[in-house]
Structures are given as C-alpha cells and as structure tokens.
C-alpha cells in the first residue's frame, strides 16, 4: 500500500480521491487549510488530517516535516489545492483577484512540489509520483515518476 498526501482534500475531487484510497487501505494524509474541516473529513474517511496551505511556505515545510517524521516516505502527492477566484467577468477582475488565484493555483502548486523531496518508498525510482489537478479555468496536468507509476481513470 502507498502513503499519499492530497492537498485541498476537504471536498470535491480531493475528498473523493482520499475516500477511495483510504477505503482501499492506503495511508492518506488529507491536506486542508482549515484544521477543523480537515480533521472532520479525515475522521469520516479514516485518513490522517494534515494542515497545509500551499500559499504559505512555512505550512508546506511543516507538512513535509510531519510526513517525514510519521511515515518516513511519501509515495504519491496529489496536488489538488486550487481556487476558482472571483465569480465575475474577467474584465471586472482586480489584480488582487488574479494574484490570489495565481498564488494558489500556480505558485502554490510549485511550492507543494517540495513534498517530492521526501525520501521515496522502496518501490519508487528517484521521486514520489505526483499528480497535479488544476480546475476552474486553469491548466490540468498529470505527471508521474516511479516504477509502478500512478494510474488515473
């Protein structure tokens, strides 16, 4: 079984992915900005809540240190954290609106890749497998590395 960390996992795709992996017996770190919501979601799914805000470098570092201390290795990172931004026409968006979306969906996704620096489990090659999901008008990308890889259906 694998050890997986999913950012943005308190609802939607992240929550459902956590549910499926936990039900299959995998160790799942359910990443959340809101500790209370994360703890409740993790309790319902049999996962481990972990506080992580991808827009705060110290939060990403703390999450990486916790996973390293508890699990020793991370097999799969599902970088699901993302926001849609303001619900208004693009011409009405402010630069602050755009910064918030870019900080979360682009810069935050890159920052969360720091979790790939965790020592890999024995069955992987050099790195943790990583999946990036960016929705609501931002790019969708998938990446993997590791001998067994990641299958997304």
N, C-alpha and C. Protein backbone atom coordinates (compact mmCIF):
# COMPACT_ATOMS: atom_id res chain seq x y z
N UNK A 1 0.83 -1.18 0.00
CA UNK A 1 0.00 0.00 0.00
C UNK A 1 0.88 1.25 0.00
N UNK A 2 0.29 2.35 -0.37
CA UNK A 2 1.05 3.59 -0.50
C UNK A 2 0.73 4.58 0.61
N UNK A 3 1.62 5.55 0.74
CA UNK A 3 1.38 6.72 1.58
C UNK A 3 1.17 7.88 0.63
N UNK A 4 0.01 8.53 0.75
CA UNK A 4 -0.40 9.57 -0.18
C UNK A 4 -0.76 10.83 0.58
N UNK A 5 -0.35 11.98 0.07
CA UNK A 5 -0.80 13.26 0.60
C UNK A 5 -1.59 13.96 -0.49
N UNK A 6 -2.80 14.42 -0.13
CA UNK A 6 -3.66 15.11 -1.07
C UNK A 6 -3.89 16.52 -0.55
N UNK A 7 -3.46 17.53 -1.29
CA UNK A 7 -3.74 18.91 -0.89
C UNK A 7 -5.16 19.26 -1.33
N UNK A 8 -5.81 20.15 -0.61
CA UNK A 8 -7.17 20.56 -0.97
C UNK A 8 -8.14 19.40 -0.94
N UNK A 9 -8.12 18.63 0.16
CA UNK A 9 -8.87 17.37 0.18
C UNK A 9 -10.12 17.39 1.06
N UNK A 10 -10.62 18.55 1.43
CA UNK A 10 -11.81 18.56 2.29
C UNK A 10 -13.12 18.47 1.52
N UNK A 11 -13.06 18.57 0.20
CA UNK A 11 -14.28 18.47 -0.61
C UNK A 11 -13.91 18.15 -2.05
N UNK A 12 -14.90 17.88 -2.84
CA UNK A 12 -14.70 17.68 -4.28
C UNK A 12 -13.80 16.52 -4.64
N UNK A 13 -12.99 16.73 -5.68
CA UNK A 13 -12.10 15.68 -6.19
C UNK A 13 -11.10 15.18 -5.15
N UNK A 14 -10.55 16.10 -4.38
CA UNK A 14 -9.59 15.71 -3.35
C UNK A 14 -10.21 14.81 -2.30
N UNK A 15 -11.41 15.17 -1.84
CA UNK A 15 -12.12 14.38 -0.83
C UNK A 15 -12.45 12.99 -1.37
N UNK A 16 -12.98 12.95 -2.57
CA UNK A 16 -13.36 11.66 -3.16
C UNK A 16 -12.14 10.77 -3.40
N UNK A 17 -11.05 11.36 -3.82
CA UNK A 17 -9.82 10.58 -4.01
C UNK A 17 -9.33 10.04 -2.67
N UNK A 18 -9.37 10.88 -1.63
CA UNK A 18 -8.98 10.43 -0.29
C UNK A 18 -9.88 9.29 0.17
N UNK A 19 -11.16 9.41 -0.07
CA UNK A 19 -12.11 8.38 0.34
C UNK A 19 -11.78 7.04 -0.32
N UNK A 20 -11.56 7.08 -1.63
CA UNK A 20 -11.28 5.85 -2.36
C UNK A 20 -9.96 5.20 -1.91
N UNK A 21 -8.93 6.01 -1.76
CA UNK A 21 -7.63 5.46 -1.35
C UNK A 21 -7.67 4.91 0.07
N UNK A 22 -8.31 5.64 0.99
CA UNK A 22 -8.40 5.18 2.38
C UNK A 22 -9.22 3.88 2.44
N UNK A 23 -10.30 3.81 1.69
CA UNK A 23 -11.14 2.61 1.68
C UNK A 23 -10.38 1.40 1.14
N UNK A 24 -9.41 1.65 0.26
CA UNK A 24 -8.61 0.57 -0.31
C UNK A 24 -7.43 0.19 0.60
N UNK A 25 -7.30 0.87 1.74
CA UNK A 25 -6.27 0.51 2.70
C UNK A 25 -4.98 1.31 2.63
N UNK A 26 -4.95 2.35 1.82
CA UNK A 26 -3.76 3.18 1.71
C UNK A 26 -3.69 4.16 2.88
N UNK A 27 -2.51 4.60 3.23
CA UNK A 27 -2.34 5.65 4.22
C UNK A 27 -2.53 6.98 3.51
N UNK A 28 -3.51 7.76 3.95
CA UNK A 28 -3.85 9.01 3.29
C UNK A 28 -3.72 10.17 4.26
N UNK A 29 -2.90 11.15 3.87
CA UNK A 29 -2.83 12.42 4.57
C UNK A 29 -3.77 13.36 3.83
N UNK A 30 -4.83 13.79 4.51
CA UNK A 30 -5.84 14.64 3.92
C UNK A 30 -5.47 16.09 4.21
N UNK A 31 -4.95 16.78 3.20
CA UNK A 31 -4.46 18.14 3.37
C UNK A 31 -5.57 19.16 3.37
N UNK A 32 -5.49 20.11 4.32
CA UNK A 32 -6.51 21.15 4.44
C UNK A 32 -5.93 22.42 5.02
N UNK A 33 -6.43 23.56 4.55
CA UNK A 33 -6.07 24.85 5.16
C UNK A 33 -6.79 24.99 6.49
N UNK A 34 -8.04 24.58 6.52
CA UNK A 34 -8.89 24.69 7.72
C UNK A 34 -8.73 23.41 8.54
N UNK A 35 -8.07 23.52 9.70
CA UNK A 35 -7.76 22.36 10.52
C UNK A 35 -9.03 21.63 10.97
N UNK A 36 -10.05 22.37 11.34
CA UNK A 36 -11.29 21.76 11.82
C UNK A 36 -11.97 20.96 10.72
N UNK A 37 -12.11 21.55 9.55
CA UNK A 37 -12.72 20.82 8.42
C UNK A 37 -11.87 19.62 8.01
N UNK A 38 -10.56 19.80 8.03
CA UNK A 38 -9.67 18.69 7.68
C UNK A 38 -9.79 17.54 8.66
N UNK A 39 -9.83 17.85 9.95
CA UNK A 39 -9.94 16.80 10.97
C UNK A 39 -11.26 16.04 10.84
N UNK A 40 -12.33 16.76 10.58
CA UNK A 40 -13.64 16.11 10.43
C UNK A 40 -13.67 15.22 9.19
N UNK A 41 -13.17 15.73 8.08
CA UNK A 41 -13.15 14.93 6.85
C UNK A 41 -12.27 13.69 7.04
N UNK A 42 -11.11 13.86 7.65
CA UNK A 42 -10.20 12.73 7.88
C UNK A 42 -10.85 11.69 8.78
N UNK A 43 -11.55 12.15 9.82
CA UNK A 43 -12.22 11.23 10.74
C UNK A 43 -13.25 10.40 9.98
N UNK A 44 -14.03 11.04 9.13
CA UNK A 44 -15.07 10.33 8.38
C UNK A 44 -14.49 9.30 7.42
N UNK A 45 -13.29 9.57 6.91
CA UNK A 45 -12.70 8.71 5.88
C UNK A 45 -11.68 7.70 6.41
N UNK A 46 -11.25 7.87 7.65
CA UNK A 46 -10.18 7.01 8.16
C UNK A 46 -8.82 7.44 7.63
N UNK A 47 -8.69 8.74 7.39
CA UNK A 47 -7.43 9.32 6.89
C UNK A 47 -6.75 10.09 8.02
N UNK A 48 -5.62 10.66 7.74
CA UNK A 48 -4.89 11.50 8.69
C UNK A 48 -4.98 12.95 8.22
N UNK A 49 -5.53 13.80 9.06
CA UNK A 49 -5.61 15.23 8.71
C UNK A 49 -4.23 15.85 8.82
N UNK A 50 -3.92 16.72 7.87
CA UNK A 50 -2.66 17.47 7.93
C UNK A 50 -2.93 18.89 7.45
N UNK A 51 -2.51 19.84 8.26
CA UNK A 51 -2.69 21.24 7.89
C UNK A 51 -1.67 21.61 6.82
N UNK A 52 -2.16 22.14 5.72
CA UNK A 52 -1.26 22.62 4.67
C UNK A 52 -1.98 23.70 3.86
N UNK A 53 -1.33 24.84 3.78
CA UNK A 53 -1.79 25.94 2.92
C UNK A 53 -0.67 26.14 1.91
N UNK A 54 -0.92 25.78 0.66
CA UNK A 54 0.13 25.82 -0.35
C UNK A 54 0.63 27.23 -0.65
N UNK A 55 -0.08 28.25 -0.17
CA UNK A 55 0.36 29.63 -0.39
C UNK A 55 1.28 30.12 0.72
N UNK A 56 1.51 29.29 1.72
CA UNK A 56 2.36 29.67 2.87
C UNK A 56 3.52 28.68 2.95
N UNK A 57 4.71 29.16 2.63
CA UNK A 57 5.89 28.30 2.57
C UNK A 57 6.12 27.52 3.87
N UNK A 58 5.95 28.19 5.01
CA UNK A 58 6.16 27.52 6.30
C UNK A 58 5.17 26.37 6.49
N UNK A 59 3.96 26.51 5.97
CA UNK A 59 2.96 25.46 6.08
C UNK A 59 3.36 24.23 5.26
N UNK A 60 3.86 24.46 4.06
CA UNK A 60 4.31 23.35 3.21
C UNK A 60 5.50 22.65 3.86
N UNK A 61 6.43 23.42 4.39
CA UNK A 61 7.60 22.85 5.06
C UNK A 61 7.17 22.02 6.26
N UNK A 62 6.25 22.55 7.07
CA UNK A 62 5.78 21.82 8.26
C UNK A 62 5.09 20.51 7.86
N UNK A 63 4.30 20.55 6.79
CA UNK A 63 3.63 19.32 6.33
C UNK A 63 4.66 18.29 5.88
N UNK A 64 5.68 18.74 5.15
CA UNK A 64 6.73 17.82 4.70
C UNK A 64 7.46 17.21 5.89
N UNK A 65 7.76 18.03 6.88
CA UNK A 65 8.46 17.53 8.07
C UNK A 65 7.60 16.52 8.83
N UNK A 66 6.31 16.78 8.92
CA UNK A 66 5.42 15.85 9.62
C UNK A 66 5.34 14.51 8.91
N UNK A 67 5.15 14.54 7.59
CA UNK A 67 5.08 13.28 6.84
C UNK A 67 6.40 12.52 6.97
N UNK A 68 7.50 13.23 6.90
CA UNK A 68 8.82 12.59 7.04
C UNK A 68 8.94 11.92 8.41
N UNK A 69 8.49 12.61 9.46
CA UNK A 69 8.60 12.08 10.82
C UNK A 69 7.68 10.88 11.05
N UNK A 70 6.47 10.95 10.50
CA UNK A 70 5.48 9.89 10.75
C UNK A 70 5.59 8.72 9.79
N UNK A 71 5.79 8.99 8.53
CA UNK A 71 5.75 7.93 7.52
C UNK A 71 7.13 7.62 6.94
N UNK A 72 8.04 8.57 7.04
CA UNK A 72 9.37 8.37 6.50
C UNK A 72 9.47 8.61 5.01
N UNK A 73 8.40 8.36 4.28
CA UNK A 73 8.41 8.49 2.82
C UNK A 73 7.02 8.83 2.33
N UNK A 74 6.97 9.45 1.18
CA UNK A 74 5.71 9.77 0.53
C UNK A 74 5.72 9.12 -0.84
N UNK A 75 4.75 8.28 -1.11
CA UNK A 75 4.69 7.59 -2.39
C UNK A 75 3.99 8.42 -3.46
N UNK A 76 2.89 9.07 -3.06
CA UNK A 76 2.10 9.82 -4.04
C UNK A 76 1.70 11.17 -3.47
N UNK A 77 1.92 12.22 -4.25
CA UNK A 77 1.44 13.56 -3.93
C UNK A 77 0.36 13.89 -4.94
N UNK A 78 -0.83 14.19 -4.44
CA UNK A 78 -1.91 14.64 -5.31
C UNK A 78 -2.12 16.11 -4.99
N UNK A 79 -1.65 16.95 -5.87
CA UNK A 79 -1.64 18.39 -5.66
C UNK A 79 -2.96 18.95 -6.19
N UNK A 80 -3.98 18.88 -5.34
CA UNK A 80 -5.34 19.20 -5.74
C UNK A 80 -5.79 20.60 -5.30
N UNK A 81 -5.04 21.25 -4.43
CA UNK A 81 -5.45 22.57 -3.93
C UNK A 81 -5.57 23.55 -5.08
N UNK A 82 -6.66 24.28 -5.11
CA UNK A 82 -6.87 25.27 -6.15
C UNK A 82 -8.13 26.07 -5.87
N UNK A 83 -8.17 27.25 -6.42
CA UNK A 83 -9.35 28.11 -6.26
C UNK A 83 -9.79 28.63 -7.62
N UNK A 84 -11.06 28.97 -7.70
CA UNK A 84 -11.61 29.49 -8.96
C UNK A 84 -11.46 31.00 -9.04
N UNK A 85 -11.30 31.65 -7.92
CA UNK A 85 -11.23 33.11 -7.94
C UNK A 85 -12.61 33.72 -7.90
N UNK A 86 -12.69 35.02 -8.14
CA UNK A 86 -13.96 35.72 -8.13
C UNK A 86 -14.89 35.24 -9.22
N UNK A 87 -16.13 35.21 -8.94
CA UNK A 87 -17.14 34.77 -9.92
C UNK A 87 -17.69 36.00 -10.64
N UNK A 88 -16.84 36.56 -11.49
CA UNK A 88 -17.27 37.72 -12.27
C UNK A 88 -16.53 37.71 -13.61
N UNK A 89 -16.97 38.49 -14.55
CA UNK A 89 -16.30 38.52 -15.85
C UNK A 89 -14.84 38.93 -15.71
N UNK A 90 -13.96 38.38 -16.53
CA UNK A 90 -12.53 38.70 -16.44
C UNK A 90 -12.24 40.20 -16.47
N UNK A 91 -13.00 40.96 -17.23
CA UNK A 91 -12.76 42.40 -17.31
C UNK A 91 -12.99 43.10 -15.98
N UNK A 92 -13.74 42.47 -15.09
CA UNK A 92 -14.01 43.06 -13.78
C UNK A 92 -13.06 42.57 -12.69
N UNK A 93 -12.22 41.61 -13.02
CA UNK A 93 -11.28 41.07 -12.03
C UNK A 93 -10.21 42.10 -11.70
N UNK A 94 -9.86 42.16 -10.43
CA UNK A 94 -8.80 43.07 -10.00
C UNK A 94 -7.46 42.32 -10.03
N UNK A 95 -6.37 43.05 -9.93
CA UNK A 95 -5.07 42.40 -9.86
C UNK A 95 -4.95 41.57 -8.59
N UNK A 96 -5.59 41.99 -7.52
CA UNK A 96 -5.59 41.19 -6.29
C UNK A 96 -6.29 39.85 -6.50
N UNK A 97 -7.40 39.88 -7.26
CA UNK A 97 -8.10 38.63 -7.59
C UNK A 97 -7.17 37.69 -8.35
N UNK A 98 -6.49 38.23 -9.34
CA UNK A 98 -5.59 37.42 -10.16
C UNK A 98 -4.42 36.89 -9.35
N UNK A 99 -3.85 37.73 -8.48
CA UNK A 99 -2.74 37.29 -7.63
C UNK A 99 -3.15 36.14 -6.72
N UNK A 100 -4.34 36.23 -6.14
CA UNK A 100 -4.83 35.18 -5.24
C UNK A 100 -4.95 33.84 -5.98
N UNK A 101 -5.50 33.88 -7.19
CA UNK A 101 -5.64 32.66 -8.00
C UNK A 101 -4.26 32.12 -8.40
N UNK A 102 -3.40 33.00 -8.89
CA UNK A 102 -2.06 32.55 -9.30
C UNK A 102 -1.24 32.05 -8.11
N UNK A 103 -1.34 32.72 -6.97
CA UNK A 103 -0.60 32.28 -5.79
C UNK A 103 -1.02 30.89 -5.35
N UNK A 104 -2.29 30.59 -5.47
CA UNK A 104 -2.78 29.27 -5.07
C UNK A 104 -2.55 28.23 -6.15
N UNK A 105 -3.00 28.51 -7.36
CA UNK A 105 -3.04 27.50 -8.40
C UNK A 105 -1.72 27.28 -9.13
N UNK A 106 -0.85 28.26 -9.14
CA UNK A 106 0.42 28.12 -9.85
C UNK A 106 1.59 28.09 -8.86
N UNK A 107 1.77 29.18 -8.13
CA UNK A 107 2.89 29.25 -7.18
C UNK A 107 2.71 28.21 -6.08
N UNK A 108 1.48 28.08 -5.57
CA UNK A 108 1.21 27.10 -4.52
C UNK A 108 1.45 25.68 -4.98
N UNK A 109 1.06 25.38 -6.21
CA UNK A 109 1.29 24.04 -6.74
C UNK A 109 2.79 23.75 -6.84
N UNK A 110 3.55 24.74 -7.26
CA UNK A 110 5.00 24.56 -7.33
C UNK A 110 5.60 24.41 -5.94
N UNK A 111 5.11 25.17 -4.98
CA UNK A 111 5.61 25.08 -3.61
C UNK A 111 5.34 23.70 -3.02
N UNK A 112 4.16 23.14 -3.31
CA UNK A 112 3.82 21.82 -2.78
C UNK A 112 4.71 20.73 -3.35
N UNK A 113 5.33 20.99 -4.48
CA UNK A 113 6.26 20.01 -5.05
C UNK A 113 7.44 19.75 -4.12
N UNK A 114 7.65 20.62 -3.13
CA UNK A 114 8.70 20.39 -2.14
C UNK A 114 8.47 19.05 -1.44
N UNK A 115 7.22 18.63 -1.36
CA UNK A 115 6.92 17.33 -0.75
C UNK A 115 7.56 16.19 -1.53
N UNK A 116 7.88 16.42 -2.79
CA UNK A 116 8.57 15.41 -3.58
C UNK A 116 10.00 15.19 -3.11
N UNK A 117 10.51 16.08 -2.26
CA UNK A 117 11.85 15.90 -1.73
C UNK A 117 11.91 14.89 -0.60
N UNK A 118 10.75 14.40 -0.15
CA UNK A 118 10.73 13.37 0.86
C UNK A 118 11.37 12.11 0.30
N UNK A 119 12.03 11.33 1.15
CA UNK A 119 12.62 10.09 0.65
C UNK A 119 11.54 9.21 0.03
N UNK A 120 11.79 8.65 -1.14
CA UNK A 120 10.79 7.80 -1.77
C UNK A 120 10.69 6.45 -1.07
N UNK A 121 9.54 5.82 -1.19
CA UNK A 121 9.38 4.46 -0.69
C UNK A 121 10.25 3.53 -1.53
N UNK A 122 10.48 2.34 -1.05
CA UNK A 122 11.42 1.43 -1.72
C UNK A 122 11.04 1.09 -3.16
N UNK A 123 9.75 1.05 -3.48
CA UNK A 123 9.37 0.62 -4.83
C UNK A 123 9.45 1.72 -5.86
N UNK A 124 9.65 2.96 -5.46
CA UNK A 124 9.71 4.03 -6.45
C UNK A 124 11.12 4.19 -6.98
N UNK A 125 11.25 4.94 -8.05
CA UNK A 125 12.59 5.21 -8.57
C UNK A 125 13.16 6.37 -7.77
N UNK A 126 13.42 7.50 -8.38
CA UNK A 126 14.06 8.60 -7.67
C UNK A 126 13.09 9.51 -6.94
N UNK A 127 11.84 9.59 -7.38
CA UNK A 127 10.93 10.60 -6.84
C UNK A 127 9.57 10.03 -6.52
N UNK A 128 8.87 10.77 -5.74
CA UNK A 128 7.47 10.49 -5.48
C UNK A 128 6.67 10.70 -6.76
N UNK A 129 5.65 9.91 -6.98
CA UNK A 129 4.76 10.18 -8.09
C UNK A 129 3.95 11.42 -7.75
N UNK A 130 3.67 12.24 -8.71
CA UNK A 130 2.93 13.47 -8.46
C UNK A 130 1.81 13.63 -9.47
N UNK A 131 0.69 14.09 -8.98
CA UNK A 131 -0.45 14.38 -9.84
C UNK A 131 -0.84 15.81 -9.53
N UNK A 132 -0.98 16.64 -10.54
CA UNK A 132 -1.45 17.99 -10.32
C UNK A 132 -2.80 18.18 -10.98
N UNK A 133 -3.76 18.64 -10.22
CA UNK A 133 -5.09 18.90 -10.77
C UNK A 133 -5.37 20.39 -10.61
N UNK A 134 -5.58 21.06 -11.71
CA UNK A 134 -5.91 22.47 -11.65
C UNK A 134 -7.21 22.63 -12.42
N UNK A 135 -8.24 23.06 -11.73
CA UNK A 135 -9.54 23.14 -12.36
C UNK A 135 -10.04 24.58 -12.38
N UNK A 136 -11.24 24.77 -12.84
CA UNK A 136 -11.88 26.09 -12.88
C UNK A 136 -11.13 27.07 -13.76
N UNK A 137 -10.80 26.66 -14.96
CA UNK A 137 -10.21 27.57 -15.92
C UNK A 137 -8.70 27.64 -15.90
N UNK A 138 -8.05 26.86 -15.03
CA UNK A 138 -6.60 26.84 -15.01
C UNK A 138 -6.14 25.51 -15.59
N UNK A 139 -4.87 25.38 -15.93
CA UNK A 139 -4.41 24.17 -16.62
C UNK A 139 -4.60 22.89 -15.82
N UNK A 140 -4.83 21.81 -16.50
CA UNK A 140 -4.92 20.49 -15.92
C UNK A 140 -3.66 19.75 -16.34
N UNK A 141 -2.96 19.18 -15.40
CA UNK A 141 -1.75 18.45 -15.76
C UNK A 141 -1.60 17.21 -14.91
N UNK A 142 -0.97 16.21 -15.46
CA UNK A 142 -0.67 14.99 -14.75
C UNK A 142 0.81 14.69 -14.94
N UNK A 143 1.44 14.22 -13.91
CA UNK A 143 2.83 13.81 -14.04
C UNK A 143 3.06 12.61 -13.16
N UNK A 144 3.97 11.76 -13.53
CA UNK A 144 4.29 10.63 -12.68
C UNK A 144 5.73 10.22 -12.89
N UNK A 145 6.27 9.59 -11.86
CA UNK A 145 7.59 9.00 -12.00
C UNK A 145 7.61 7.83 -11.05
N UNK A 146 8.29 6.95 -10.91
CA UNK A 146 8.14 5.81 -10.03
C UNK A 146 7.86 4.59 -10.87
N UNK A 147 8.46 3.48 -10.49
CA UNK A 147 8.36 2.27 -11.30
C UNK A 147 6.93 1.80 -11.49
N UNK A 148 6.15 1.83 -10.44
CA UNK A 148 4.77 1.37 -10.56
C UNK A 148 3.87 2.47 -11.09
N UNK A 149 4.31 3.71 -10.98
CA UNK A 149 3.57 4.82 -11.54
C UNK A 149 2.23 5.05 -10.87
N UNK A 150 1.44 5.89 -11.47
CA UNK A 150 0.11 6.22 -10.96
C UNK A 150 -0.86 6.06 -12.10
N UNK A 151 -1.94 5.38 -11.86
CA UNK A 151 -2.95 5.21 -12.88
C UNK A 151 -4.15 6.08 -12.52
N UNK A 152 -4.58 6.88 -13.43
CA UNK A 152 -5.74 7.75 -13.21
C UNK A 152 -6.81 7.33 -14.20
N UNK A 153 -7.98 6.95 -13.68
CA UNK A 153 -9.07 6.54 -14.57
C UNK A 153 -10.29 7.39 -14.32
